Amino acid sequence: MSTESSKSGPKAQLDALLLKLPGVSARTINGLDAYFVSDKMFACISGNGVGLRLPAATATELHFSRDHVSAFQPGGIAATREWIQITRADAADYVKDLELFQTALDFVKAARSR
């Protein structure tokens, strides 16, 4: 991996992984690269990790069961209990979290509009 691609962070890897899922689009919101389904955000890149919106019980369980999962705090501001952050040392390893990305997508897609 070149130095230039290392500096770009996980965006290229996540674009390749997520934009091939049905109905997923990407755009920038509040300075963060984010991924949407049905015009609702289910994931976004913050720092060296990616935030995912999941059912609160799933998010809580992941906090305690995986060492690469932490609270999602974009810009140092705590998000809701439904958001977690996955941080992988190698962005290519986000492919290992495809099931979680799909769970987040399904959760957000099924959520009622507020």
C-alpha atoms as a PDB file:
ATOM      1  CA  MET A   1       0.000   0.000   0.000  1.00  0.00           C
ATOM      2  CA  SER A   2       1.369   3.366  -0.908  1.00  0.00           C
ATOM      3  CA  THR A   3       1.780   6.210   1.550  1.00  0.00           C
ATOM      4  CA  GLU A   4      -0.804   8.222  -0.348  1.00  0.00           C
ATOM      5  CA  SER A   5      -3.515   5.553  -0.007  1.00  0.00           C
ATOM      6  CA  SER A   6      -2.673   5.177   3.691  1.00  0.00           C
ATOM      7  CA  LYS A   7      -3.342   8.880   4.221  1.00  0.00           C
ATOM      8  CA  SER A   8      -6.740   8.638   2.540  1.00  0.00           C
ATOM      9  CA  GLY A   9      -7.961   6.370   5.324  1.00  0.00           C
ATOM     10  CA  PRO A  10     -10.740   3.862   4.946  1.00  0.00           C
ATOM     11  CA  LYS A  11     -12.905   5.752   2.414  1.00  0.00           C
ATOM     12  CA  ALA A  12     -11.734   3.915  -0.720  1.00  0.00           C
ATOM     13  CA  GLN A  13     -12.089   0.523   0.967  1.00  0.00           C
ATOM     14  CA  LEU A  14     -15.529   1.376   2.356  1.00  0.00           C
ATOM     15  CA  ASP A  15     -16.720   2.798  -0.959  1.00  0.00           C
ATOM     16  CA  ALA A  16     -15.719  -0.456  -2.667  1.00  0.00           C
ATOM     17  CA  LEU A  17     -17.444  -2.517   0.019  1.00  0.00           C
ATOM     18  CA  LEU A  18     -20.623  -0.542   0.669  1.00  0.00           C
ATOM     19  CA  LEU A  19     -21.526   1.098  -2.631  1.00  0.00           C
ATOM     20  CA  LYS A  20     -22.100  -2.306  -4.222  1.00  0.00           C
ATOM     21  CA  LEU A  21     -24.882  -3.058  -1.710  1.00  0.00           C
ATOM     22  CA  PRO A  22     -28.381  -2.453  -3.119  1.00  0.00           C
ATOM     23  CA  GLY A  23     -29.730   1.027  -2.450  1.00  0.00           C
ATOM     24  CA  VAL A  24     -26.569   2.442  -0.842  1.00  0.00           C
ATOM     25  CA  SER A  25     -25.344   5.927  -1.725  1.00  0.00           C
ATOM     26  CA  ALA A  26     -22.550   8.081  -0.350  1.00  0.00           C
ATOM     27  CA  ARG A  27     -22.300  11.788   0.362  1.00  0.00           C
ATOM     28  CA  THR A  28     -20.594  14.189   2.729  1.00  0.00           C
ATOM     29  CA  ILE A  29     -22.572  15.559   5.664  1.00  0.00           C
ATOM     30  CA  ASN A  30     -21.146  17.920   8.290  1.00  0.00           C
ATOM     31  CA  GLY A  31     -17.669  17.221   6.904  1.00  0.00           C
ATOM     32  CA  LEU A  32     -17.995  13.431   7.333  1.00  0.00           C
ATOM     33  CA  ASP A  33     -18.118  10.875   4.516  1.00  0.00           C
ATOM     34  CA  ALA A  34     -21.390   9.039   5.089  1.00  0.00           C
ATOM     35  CA  TYR A  35     -23.349   6.122   3.636  1.00  0.00           C
ATOM     36  CA  PHE A  36     -27.105   6.173   3.213  1.00  0.00           C
ATOM     37  CA  VAL A  37     -29.981   3.847   2.403  1.00  0.00           C
ATOM     38  CA  SER A  38     -33.492   5.200   1.781  1.00  0.00           C
ATOM     39  CA  ASP A  39     -31.992   8.677   2.398  1.00  0.00           C
ATOM     40  CA  LYS A  40     -31.087   7.691   6.003  1.00  0.00           C
ATOM     41  CA  MET A  41     -27.506   7.443   7.250  1.00  0.00           C
ATOM     42  CA  PHE A  42     -26.388   4.021   8.475  1.00  0.00           C
ATOM     43  CA  ALA A  43     -22.601   4.509   8.510  1.00  0.00           C
ATOM     44  CA  CYS A  44     -20.062   7.304   8.411  1.00  0.00           C
ATOM     45  CA  ILE A  45     -16.314   7.698   8.561  1.00  0.00           C
ATOM     46  CA  SER A  46     -14.920   9.584  11.524  1.00  0.00           C
ATOM     47  CA  GLY A  47     -11.196   9.780  12.169  1.00  0.00           C
ATOM     48  CA  ASN A  48      -9.605   6.388  11.582  1.00  0.00           C
ATOM     49  CA  GLY A  49     -12.814   4.446  12.079  1.00  0.00           C
ATOM     50  CA  VAL A  50     -16.343   4.042  10.831  1.00  0.00           C
ATOM     51  CA  GLY A  51     -19.508   4.627  12.812  1.00  0.00           C
ATOM     52  CA  LEU A  52     -22.450   2.267  12.403  1.00  0.00           C
ATOM     53  CA  ARG A  53     -26.036   2.669  13.538  1.00  0.00           C
ATOM     54  CA  LEU A  54     -27.333  -0.579  15.007  1.00  0.00           C
ATOM     55  CA  PRO A  55     -30.097  -1.642  17.387  1.00  0.00           C
ATOM     56  CA  ALA A  56     -29.068  -0.438  20.876  1.00  0.00           C
ATOM     57  CA  ALA A  57     -28.857  -3.988  22.269  1.00  0.00           C
ATOM     58  CA  THR A  58     -26.558  -5.066  19.434  1.00  0.00           C
ATOM     59  CA  ALA A  59     -24.379  -1.976  19.860  1.00  0.00           C
ATOM     60  CA  THR A  60     -24.052  -2.595  23.612  1.00  0.00           C
ATOM     61  CA  GLU A  61     -23.147  -6.259  23.093  1.00  0.00           C
ATOM     62  CA  LEU A  62     -20.474  -5.339  20.535  1.00  0.00           C
ATOM     63  CA  HIS A  63     -18.890  -2.839  22.957  1.00  0.00           C
ATOM     64  CA  PHE A  64     -18.150  -5.696  25.328  1.00  0.00           C
ATOM     65  CA  SER A  65     -17.373  -8.479  22.862  1.00  0.00           C
ATOM     66  CA  ARG A  66     -14.986  -6.918  20.324  1.00  0.00           C
ATOM     67  CA  ASP A  67     -11.775  -5.063  21.035  1.00  0.00           C
ATOM     68  CA  HIS A  68     -11.926  -2.974  17.833  1.00  0.00           C
ATOM     69  CA  VAL A  69     -15.363  -1.524  18.729  1.00  0.00           C
ATOM     70  CA  SER A  70     -15.810   1.651  20.775  1.00  0.00           C
ATOM     71  CA  ALA A  71     -18.320   4.423  21.369  1.00  0.00           C
ATOM     72  CA  PHE A  72     -18.920   6.561  18.294  1.00  0.00           C
ATOM     73  CA  GLN A  73     -17.903  10.139  19.077  1.00  0.00           C
ATOM     74  CA  PRO A  74     -17.595  12.175  15.870  1.00  0.00           C
ATOM     75  CA  GLY A  75     -15.727  15.383  16.639  1.00  0.00           C
ATOM     76  CA  GLY A  76     -15.558  14.364  20.299  1.00  0.00           C
ATOM     77  CA  ILE A  77     -19.338  14.545  20.717  1.00  0.00           C
ATOM     78  CA  ALA A  78     -21.007  11.390  22.020  1.00  0.00           C
ATOM     79  CA  ALA A  79     -23.591   9.875  19.704  1.00  0.00           C
ATOM     80  CA  THR A  80     -26.626   7.834  20.772  1.00  0.00           C
ATOM     81  CA  ARG A  81     -26.534   4.298  22.161  1.00  0.00           C
ATOM     82  CA  GLU A  82     -27.373   3.057  18.673  1.00  0.00           C
ATOM     83  CA  TRP A  83     -23.998   4.141  17.282  1.00  0.00           C
ATOM     84  CA  ILE A  84     -20.680   2.287  17.594  1.00  0.00           C
ATOM     85  CA  GLN A  85     -17.307   2.880  15.979  1.00  0.00           C
ATOM     86  CA  ILE A  86     -15.277   0.125  14.379  1.00  0.00           C
ATOM     87  CA  THR A  87     -11.593   0.925  14.020  1.00  0.00           C
ATOM     88  CA  ARG A  88      -9.413  -1.382  11.953  1.00  0.00           C
ATOM     89  CA  ALA A  89      -5.644  -0.925  11.668  1.00  0.00           C
ATOM     90  CA  ASP A  90      -5.863  -1.979   8.014  1.00  0.00           C
ATOM     91  CA  ALA A  91      -8.845  -0.544   6.113  1.00  0.00           C
ATOM     92  CA  ALA A  92      -8.967  -3.707   3.984  1.00  0.00           C
ATOM     93  CA  ASP A  93     -10.110  -5.555   7.118  1.00  0.00           C
ATOM     94  CA  TYR A  94     -13.487  -3.770   7.069  1.00  0.00           C
ATOM     95  CA  VAL A  95     -14.583  -6.558   4.723  1.00  0.00           C
ATOM     96  CA  LYS A  96     -14.631  -8.747   7.872  1.00  0.00           C
ATOM     97  CA  ASP A  97     -17.430  -6.489   9.182  1.00  0.00           C
ATOM     98  CA  LEU A  98     -19.679  -6.815   6.131  1.00  0.00           C
ATOM     99  CA  GLU A  99     -22.328  -8.612   8.201  1.00  0.00           C
ATOM    100  CA  LEU A 100     -22.422  -5.677  10.653  1.00  0.00           C
ATOM    101  CA  PHE A 101     -22.663  -3.168   7.793  1.00  0.00           C
ATOM    102  CA  GLN A 102     -25.585  -5.188   6.390  1.00  0.00           C
ATOM    103  CA  THR A 103     -27.240  -5.284   9.840  1.00  0.00           C
ATOM    104  CA  ALA A 104     -26.869  -1.493  10.108  1.00  0.00           C
ATOM    105  CA  LEU A 105     -28.275  -1.003   6.619  1.00  0.00           C
ATOM    106  CA  ASP A 106     -31.275  -3.258   7.355  1.00  0.00           C
ATOM    107  CA  PHE A 107     -31.890  -1.581  10.734  1.00  0.00           C
ATOM    108  CA  VAL A 108     -31.883   1.935   9.297  1.00  0.00           C
ATOM    109  CA  LYS A 109     -33.930   0.943   6.269  1.00  0.00           C
ATOM    110  CA  ALA A 110     -36.608  -0.586   8.497  1.00  0.00           C
ATOM    111  CA  ALA A 111     -36.643   2.325  10.970  1.00  0.00           C
ATOM    112  CA  ARG A 112     -39.623   4.618  10.851  1.00  0.00           C
ATOM    113  CA  SER A 113     -39.065   8.109   9.552  1.00  0.00           C
ATOM    114  CA  ARG A 114     -39.179  10.660  12.326  1.00  0.00           C
END
